[in-house]
Protein backbone atom coordinates (compact mmCIF):
# COMPACT_ATOMS: atom_id res chain seq x y z
CA UNK A 1 15.27 37.68 8.63
CA UNK A 2 17.75 35.02 9.07
CA UNK A 3 18.29 33.38 6.08
CA UNK A 4 21.22 30.44 5.01
CA UNK A 5 21.43 28.68 2.01
CA UNK A 6 25.13 27.43 1.41
CA UNK A 7 25.48 24.36 3.49
CA UNK A 8 26.70 20.82 2.81
CA UNK A 9 26.07 17.71 4.44
CA UNK A 10 27.33 14.09 4.29
CA UNK A 11 26.03 14.09 0.69
CA UNK A 12 29.54 15.59 -0.18
CA UNK A 13 31.78 17.32 1.83
CA UNK A 14 29.82 18.01 5.16
CA UNK A 15 30.30 16.19 8.30
CA UNK A 16 26.76 15.70 9.19
CA UNK A 17 23.55 14.18 7.73
CA UNK A 18 20.29 16.22 6.74
CA UNK A 19 18.65 15.87 9.92
CA UNK A 20 21.51 17.00 12.04
CA UNK A 21 21.96 20.10 9.65
CA UNK A 22 17.90 21.12 9.98
CA UNK A 23 18.31 20.77 13.86
CA UNK A 24 21.53 22.83 13.50
CA UNK A 25 19.76 25.86 11.53
CA UNK A 26 16.93 25.39 14.54
CA UNK A 27 19.48 26.27 17.15
CA UNK A 28 20.69 28.63 15.34
CA UNK A 29 17.10 30.51 15.04
CA UNK A 30 17.25 30.73 11.27
CA UNK A 31 13.79 31.28 9.44
CA UNK A 32 14.99 30.17 6.23
CA UNK A 33 17.45 27.00 5.84
CA UNK A 34 18.90 25.46 2.26
CA UNK A 35 21.04 23.14 1.43
CA UNK A 36 23.42 22.84 -1.38
CA UNK A 37 25.93 19.95 -1.47
CA UNK A 38 28.68 19.75 -4.19
CA UNK A 39 27.70 18.60 -7.91
CA UNK A 40 30.91 18.41 -10.32
CA UNK A 41 31.39 16.56 -13.71
CA UNK A 42 35.19 16.25 -13.95
CA UNK A 43 36.40 16.47 -17.15
CA UNK A 44 37.34 12.84 -18.25
CA UNK A 45 35.18 11.71 -15.63
CA UNK A 46 37.17 12.01 -13.22
CA UNK A 47 35.91 11.52 -9.65
CA UNK A 48 35.82 14.44 -7.15
CA UNK A 49 36.50 13.39 -3.57
CA UNK A 50 34.12 16.12 -2.03
CA UNK A 51 31.50 16.13 -4.33
CA UNK A 52 28.79 13.50 -4.54
CA UNK A 53 28.95 11.35 -6.93
CA UNK A 54 27.00 12.34 -10.21
CA UNK A 55 24.29 8.97 -9.92
CA UNK A 56 23.39 9.88 -6.66
CA UNK A 57 21.58 13.26 -7.79
CA UNK A 58 18.26 11.77 -8.45
CA UNK A 59 18.31 10.60 -5.18
CA UNK A 60 19.96 13.34 -3.50
CA UNK A 61 17.27 16.12 -4.70
CA UNK A 62 14.38 13.34 -3.84
CA UNK A 63 15.51 13.36 -0.31
CA UNK A 64 15.48 17.34 -0.38
CA UNK A 65 12.03 17.74 -1.80
CA UNK A 66 10.94 15.09 1.14
CA UNK A 67 12.58 17.07 3.75
CA UNK A 68 10.93 20.07 2.80
CA UNK A 69 7.24 18.58 2.40
CA UNK A 70 7.53 17.28 6.22
CA UNK A 71 9.41 20.37 7.76
CA UNK A 72 7.11 22.90 8.72
CA UNK A 73 8.90 24.84 11.89
CA UNK A 74 10.94 26.48 9.73
CA UNK A 75 11.42 26.80 5.42
CA UNK A 76 13.41 24.64 3.84
CA UNK A 77 14.83 24.95 0.37
CA UNK A 78 16.47 22.76 -2.00
CA UNK A 79 19.74 23.48 -3.40
CA UNK A 80 22.82 22.57 -5.10
CA UNK A 81 26.26 23.83 -5.53
CA UNK A 82 27.36 23.35 -8.93
CA UNK A 83 31.07 23.16 -10.14
CA UNK A 84 31.70 24.72 -13.50
CA UNK A 85 33.72 23.32 -16.13
CA UNK A 86 34.21 24.78 -19.58
CA UNK A 87 34.41 21.25 -21.00
CA UNK A 88 31.43 19.82 -19.28
CA UNK A 89 28.99 22.81 -19.51
CA UNK A 90 26.86 21.04 -21.55
CA UNK A 91 26.66 18.01 -20.04
CA UNK A 92 26.12 19.62 -16.40
CA UNK A 93 23.32 21.77 -17.47
CA UNK A 94 21.77 18.91 -19.06
CA UNK A 95 22.11 16.82 -15.85
CA UNK A 96 20.57 19.47 -13.59
CA UNK A 97 17.56 20.48 -16.16
CA UNK A 98 16.45 17.18 -15.42
CA UNK A 99 15.37 18.43 -11.46
CA UNK A 100 13.54 21.01 -9.70
CA UNK A 101 15.39 23.45 -7.25
CA UNK A 102 14.93 26.23 -5.52
CA UNK A 103 18.25 27.64 -6.51
CA UNK A 104 21.37 26.71 -8.25
CA UNK A 105 24.84 28.13 -6.44
CA UNK A 106 27.45 28.39 -9.68
CA UNK A 107 31.15 27.79 -8.26
CA UNK A 108 34.67 27.17 -9.70
CA UNK A 109 37.24 25.15 -7.68
CA UNK A 110 39.23 23.81 -10.36
CA UNK A 111 41.42 25.90 -12.68
CA UNK A 112 42.42 23.14 -15.81
CA UNK A 113 42.73 20.21 -12.70
CA UNK A 114 44.61 22.78 -10.47
CA UNK A 115 42.51 22.41 -7.22
CA UNK A 116 42.23 25.87 -6.02
CA UNK A 117 40.93 25.38 -2.59
CA UNK A 118 42.05 21.83 -1.40
CA UNK A 119 44.84 22.50 0.57
CA UNK A 120 47.69 25.03 0.36
CA UNK A 121 50.20 22.39 -0.86
CA UNK A 122 49.47 22.44 -4.95
CA UNK A 123 50.06 26.62 -4.17
CA UNK A 124 53.33 26.15 -2.42
CA UNK A 125 54.69 23.90 -5.28
CA UNK A 126 54.24 27.04 -8.00
CA UNK A 127 56.01 29.59 -8.97
CA UNK A 128 55.08 33.09 -8.89
CA UNK A 129 53.68 33.01 -12.32
CA UNK A 130 52.11 29.63 -12.27
CA UNK A 131 50.09 31.27 -9.44
CA UNK A 132 49.23 34.25 -11.19
CA UNK A 133 48.32 31.86 -13.97
CA UNK A 134 45.72 30.05 -11.79
CA UNK A 135 44.17 33.46 -10.94
CA UNK A 136 43.85 34.41 -14.46
CA UNK A 137 42.08 31.16 -15.61
CA UNK A 138 39.79 31.16 -12.41
CA UNK A 139 38.42 34.63 -13.63
CA UNK A 140 38.09 33.78 -16.87
CA UNK A 141 36.01 30.57 -16.02
CA UNK A 142 34.17 32.16 -13.53
CA UNK A 143 33.08 34.93 -15.99
CA UNK A 144 32.04 32.02 -18.44
CA UNK A 145 30.02 30.27 -15.71
CA UNK A 146 28.24 33.53 -15.29
CA UNK A 147 27.65 33.71 -18.85
CA UNK A 148 25.67 30.70 -19.05
CA UNK A 149 23.01 32.39 -17.24
CA UNK A 150 22.44 29.13 -15.14
CA UNK A 151 22.70 30.21 -11.77
CA UNK A 152 21.08 32.03 -8.86
CA UNK A 153 24.10 33.24 -7.35
CA UNK A 154 27.98 33.15 -7.54
CA UNK A 155 29.69 31.13 -4.73
CA UNK A 156 32.55 32.89 -2.88
CA UNK A 157 33.70 35.28 -5.59
CA UNK A 158 37.61 35.26 -4.90
CA UNK A 159 37.82 31.81 -3.48
CA UNK A 160 41.47 31.55 -4.60
CA UNK A 161 43.08 34.05 -1.75
CA UNK A 162 41.85 31.21 0.61
CA UNK A 163 45.26 30.28 1.48
CA UNK A 164 46.94 33.73 1.25
CA UNK A 165 48.33 33.20 -2.29
CA UNK A 166 47.76 36.24 -3.63
CA UNK A 167 48.17 37.81 -7.19
CA UNK A 168 50.91 39.75 -8.26
CA UNK A 169 49.82 40.17 -11.61
CA UNK A 170 47.00 42.91 -11.97
CA UNK A 171 43.48 41.40 -12.76
CA UNK A 172 41.63 44.18 -13.11
CA UNK A 173 40.44 44.16 -16.57
CA UNK A 174 39.67 41.12 -16.03
CA UNK A 175 37.63 41.49 -12.49
CA UNK A 176 35.63 44.24 -14.05
CA UNK A 177 34.56 41.99 -17.06
CA UNK A 178 33.42 39.47 -14.56
CA UNK A 179 31.55 42.07 -12.52
CA UNK A 180 30.10 43.46 -15.84
CA UNK A 181 29.03 40.06 -16.78
CA UNK A 182 27.54 39.26 -13.44
CA UNK A 183 25.56 42.85 -13.75
CA UNK A 184 24.37 41.67 -17.08
CA UNK A 185 23.81 38.39 -16.69
CA UNK A 186 21.43 38.68 -13.61
CA UNK A 187 22.46 36.05 -10.51
CA UNK A 188 23.59 37.18 -6.97
CA UNK A 189 26.79 37.11 -5.25
CA UNK A 190 27.28 35.90 -1.86
CA UNK A 191 29.26 37.10 1.26
CA UNK A 192 30.82 34.19 2.05
CA UNK A 193 31.89 34.07 5.89
CA UNK A 194 33.75 31.09 5.75
CA UNK A 195 36.98 33.13 4.51
CA UNK A 196 37.16 34.77 8.16
CA UNK A 197 38.19 30.79 9.40
CA UNK A 198 40.57 30.54 6.62
CA UNK A 199 44.33 31.27 6.51
CA UNK A 200 43.39 34.41 4.30
CA UNK A 201 41.28 35.58 7.32
CA UNK A 202 38.89 37.39 5.26
CA UNK A 203 35.49 37.06 3.78
CA UNK A 204 34.47 36.22 0.16
CA UNK A 205 34.74 38.52 -1.51
CA UNK A 206 36.77 41.49 -0.02
CA UNK A 207 35.16 44.67 0.92
CA UNK A 208 36.84 46.30 -1.96
CA UNK A 209 34.97 43.63 -4.29
CA UNK A 210 31.67 44.29 -2.33
CA UNK A 211 31.55 47.71 -2.61
CA UNK A 212 32.05 47.18 -6.71
CA UNK A 213 28.89 44.78 -6.78
CA UNK A 214 26.57 47.05 -4.50
CA UNK A 215 27.90 49.94 -7.32
CA UNK A 216 26.64 47.43 -10.30
CA UNK A 217 23.26 46.93 -8.49
CA UNK A 218 24.22 43.14 -8.13
CA UNK A 219 21.91 41.43 -5.54
CA UNK A 220 23.58 39.69 -2.20
CA UNK A 221 23.06 37.02 -0.55
CA UNK A 222 24.66 35.90 3.02
CA UNK A 223 26.54 32.68 3.29
CA UNK A 224 28.23 30.62 6.12
CA UNK A 225 29.06 27.90 3.85
CA UNK A 226 28.48 25.39 6.59
CA UNK A 227 29.73 22.08 6.66
CA UNK A 228 28.43 21.36 10.34
CA UNK A 229 25.51 21.80 12.25
CA UNK A 230 26.89 24.27 14.29
CA UNK A 231 28.31 26.85 11.33
CA UNK A 232 25.06 27.52 9.48
CA UNK A 233 25.14 31.03 10.83
CA UNK A 234 28.98 31.41 11.37
CA UNK A 235 29.52 35.50 12.03
CA UNK A 236 25.82 36.42 10.39
CA UNK A 237 25.75 39.34 12.58
CA UNK A 238 29.69 40.44 11.67
CA UNK A 239 28.50 40.04 7.56
CA UNK A 240 25.21 42.14 8.15
CA UNK A 241 27.34 45.26 8.99
CA UNK A 242 30.13 44.57 6.48
CA UNK A 243 27.49 44.58 3.74
CA UNK A 244 25.89 47.52 5.48
CA UNK A 245 29.00 49.22 4.97
CA UNK A 246 29.44 48.17 1.60
CA UNK A 247 26.19 49.88 1.33
CA UNK A 248 23.78 47.17 0.77
CA UNK A 249 20.17 46.65 2.65
CA UNK A 250 18.71 44.16 1.49
CA UNK A 251 19.68 40.37 0.61
CA UNK A 252 17.86 37.60 -1.23
CA UNK A 253 15.45 34.66 -0.68
CA UNK A 254 14.81 32.01 -3.28
CA UNK A 255 11.89 29.69 -3.90
CA UNK A 256 11.21 27.60 -7.40
CA UNK A 257 14.20 29.61 -8.75
CA UNK A 258 12.31 33.02 -8.35
CA UNK A 259 13.83 35.56 -6.07
CA UNK A 260 12.71 37.97 -3.89
CA UNK A 261 14.37 40.86 -1.48
CA UNK A 262 13.92 41.27 2.04
CA UNK A 263 15.45 43.82 4.11
CA UNK A 264 18.89 43.60 5.46
């Protein structure tokens, strides 16, 4: 079964309207397709250029459910990618609680205001120790996001590697704590194929981490992180092969926050 849940439209940082993304899903032969535009309540009410304005949330959710009701040639799912900030955790979860979704993706794109994946420039301006500190805060905040138990799956597990700035310090302890929290709290993780087209040239997460999640029994979703109609199933055959190499035999589907395993 071909499923793609992590996708973005012009509601946030995608390049196309919802209807065009649906056409892309049809062209890719997907059986089930979901949208998950960015929702981010930045501390201090700072605007996030690539996320929907917070007051668009009602309209976004309504438009997606209307699309789901009107789409009968493939299954359309209603999702959202939620940026986790410790400082706005309560406000974020309260805003989401007023709406119905098929799934929520939990992600971290900022470390105390530092833009983790916007461009290489901010990373280039840091010392090696400062880069390690970004990694340290990232692993810590992602674990805290997991511990909210609010999310159905966690986005791009090792995102800070995107531009090739790998840590010098050993964060195996923090990573173990994160993986243990994921196993305990229950979300899935995604094999996100977008990393193959980034400077790092590697999927999120690494094969080493993917084997660790499989060892802990953490379920899997395969995601394209599509931002254009032609990207909604990017590299999926390669991702399936890698998931099997890591030991996975099934992936998840979602509906109304419930999950269902299907063969890989």
